[in-house]
N, C-alpha and C. Protein backbone atom coordinates (compact mmCIF):
# COMPACT_ATOMS: atom_id res chain seq x y z
N UNK A 1 0.97 -1.06 0.07
CA UNK A 1 -0.06 -0.20 -0.02
C UNK A 1 0.77 1.10 0.03
N UNK A 2 2.13 1.27 0.30
CA UNK A 2 2.94 2.26 0.35
C UNK A 2 3.55 2.59 -1.24
N UNK A 3 3.69 1.62 -2.29
CA UNK A 3 4.62 1.77 -3.29
C UNK A 3 3.64 2.63 -4.15
N UNK A 4 2.17 2.79 -4.47
CA UNK A 4 1.80 3.29 -5.72
C UNK A 4 1.69 4.90 -5.07
N UNK A 5 1.37 5.11 -3.71
CA UNK A 5 1.60 6.42 -3.10
C UNK A 5 2.97 7.63 -3.22
N UNK A 6 4.14 6.29 -2.89
CA UNK A 6 5.50 6.75 -2.86
C UNK A 6 5.67 7.15 -4.58
N UNK A 7 5.46 6.12 -5.40
CA UNK A 7 5.54 6.40 -6.96
C UNK A 7 4.99 7.55 -7.45
N UNK A 8 3.88 7.92 -7.04
CA UNK A 8 3.27 9.17 -7.45
C UNK A 8 3.94 10.26 -6.92
N UNK A 9 4.48 10.23 -5.75
CA UNK A 9 4.95 11.55 -5.05
C UNK A 9 6.23 11.74 -5.76
N UNK A 10 6.97 10.71 -6.19
CA UNK A 10 8.35 10.73 -6.66
C UNK A 10 8.39 11.33 -8.10
N UNK A 11 7.05 10.77 -8.97
CA UNK A 11 7.20 11.41 -10.03
C UNK A 11 6.68 12.78 -9.83
N UNK A 12 6.01 13.56 -9.15
CA UNK A 12 5.49 14.97 -9.09
C UNK A 12 6.72 15.43 -8.85
N UNK A 13 7.78 15.18 -7.95
CA UNK A 13 8.85 15.49 -7.70
C UNK A 13 9.91 15.69 -8.60
N UNK A 14 9.74 14.75 -9.56
CA UNK A 14 10.90 14.88 -10.65
C UNK A 14 10.08 15.71 -11.63
N UNK A 15 9.06 16.07 -11.87
CA UNK A 15 8.28 17.01 -12.41
C UNK A 15 8.75 18.18 -12.50
N UNK A 16 8.53 18.53 -10.78
CA UNK A 16 8.92 20.05 -10.49
C UNK A 16 10.11 19.87 -10.64
N UNK A 17 11.38 19.16 -10.40
CA UNK A 17 12.68 19.63 -10.32
C UNK A 17 12.98 19.94 -12.03
N UNK A 18 12.21 19.17 -12.62
CA UNK A 18 12.61 19.44 -13.86
C UNK A 18 12.31 21.02 -14.57
N UNK A 19 11.07 20.93 -14.03
CA UNK A 19 10.73 22.31 -14.66
C UNK A 19 11.19 23.28 -14.18
N UNK A 20 12.12 23.33 -12.76
CA UNK A 20 12.96 24.48 -12.30
C UNK A 20 14.18 24.38 -13.06
N UNK A 21 14.49 23.12 -13.57
CA UNK A 21 15.88 23.40 -14.09
C UNK A 21 15.56 24.09 -15.52
N UNK A 22 14.34 23.75 -16.04
CA UNK A 22 14.32 24.26 -17.41
C UNK A 22 14.16 25.51 -17.52
N UNK A 23 13.71 26.17 -16.21
CA UNK A 23 13.39 27.98 -16.12
C UNK A 23 15.05 28.33 -15.61
N UNK A 24 15.69 27.60 -14.77
CA UNK A 24 17.10 28.02 -14.51
C UNK A 24 17.93 28.18 -15.71
N UNK A 25 17.59 26.90 -16.51
CA UNK A 25 18.81 26.96 -17.84
C UNK A 25 18.77 27.77 -18.60
N UNK A 26 16.97 27.90 -18.85
CA UNK A 26 16.62 29.45 -19.75
C UNK A 26 17.10 30.68 -19.44
N UNK A 27 17.41 30.96 -18.39
CA UNK A 27 17.94 31.84 -17.60
C UNK A 27 19.22 32.31 -17.68
N UNK A 28 20.20 31.21 -18.39
CA UNK A 28 21.56 31.16 -18.23
C UNK A 28 22.24 30.64 -16.61
N UNK A 29 21.45 29.98 -16.01
CA UNK A 29 22.22 30.07 -15.06
C UNK A 29 22.48 27.95 -14.89
N UNK A 30 23.51 27.90 -14.07
CA UNK A 30 23.72 26.55 -14.29
C UNK A 30 22.40 25.81 -12.71
N UNK A 31 22.32 24.33 -12.96
CA UNK A 31 21.20 23.80 -11.67
C UNK A 31 21.60 22.68 -11.79
N UNK A 32 21.97 22.39 -10.53
CA UNK A 32 22.46 20.79 -9.89
C UNK A 32 20.92 20.06 -9.67
N UNK A 33 20.65 19.11 -10.14
CA UNK A 33 19.43 18.48 -9.75
C UNK A 33 19.96 17.94 -7.62
N UNK A 34 18.51 18.26 -7.08
CA UNK A 34 18.94 17.50 -5.74
C UNK A 34 18.88 15.94 -5.63
N UNK A 35 19.53 15.66 -4.35
CA UNK A 35 19.92 14.29 -4.23
C UNK A 35 20.35 13.41 -5.26
N UNK A 36 21.09 14.24 -5.88
CA UNK A 36 22.38 13.57 -6.99
C UNK A 36 23.62 13.42 -6.45
N UNK A 37 23.99 12.08 -6.64
CA UNK A 37 25.37 12.17 -5.91
C UNK A 37 26.38 12.13 -6.62
N UNK A 38 27.25 12.73 -6.26
CA UNK A 38 28.63 13.19 -7.20
C UNK A 38 29.46 12.23 -7.02
N UNK A 39 29.61 11.14 -7.80
CA UNK A 39 30.64 9.94 -7.41
C UNK A 39 31.92 10.42 -8.36
N UNK A 40 32.02 11.30 -9.73
CA UNK A 40 33.11 11.62 -10.11
C UNK A 40 33.42 13.03 -10.21
N UNK A 41 34.38 13.64 -9.55
CA UNK A 41 34.47 15.21 -9.77
C UNK A 41 35.46 15.71 -10.35
């Protein structure tokens, strides 16, 4: 019973983050996705 609401929440979060990234890149600013691990520096 946890899987479907969690999947919906992750999809909404992903959509919001993508929209924020689009707006920032359109303004010419760099954007790092949250919760992204930087394994190679």
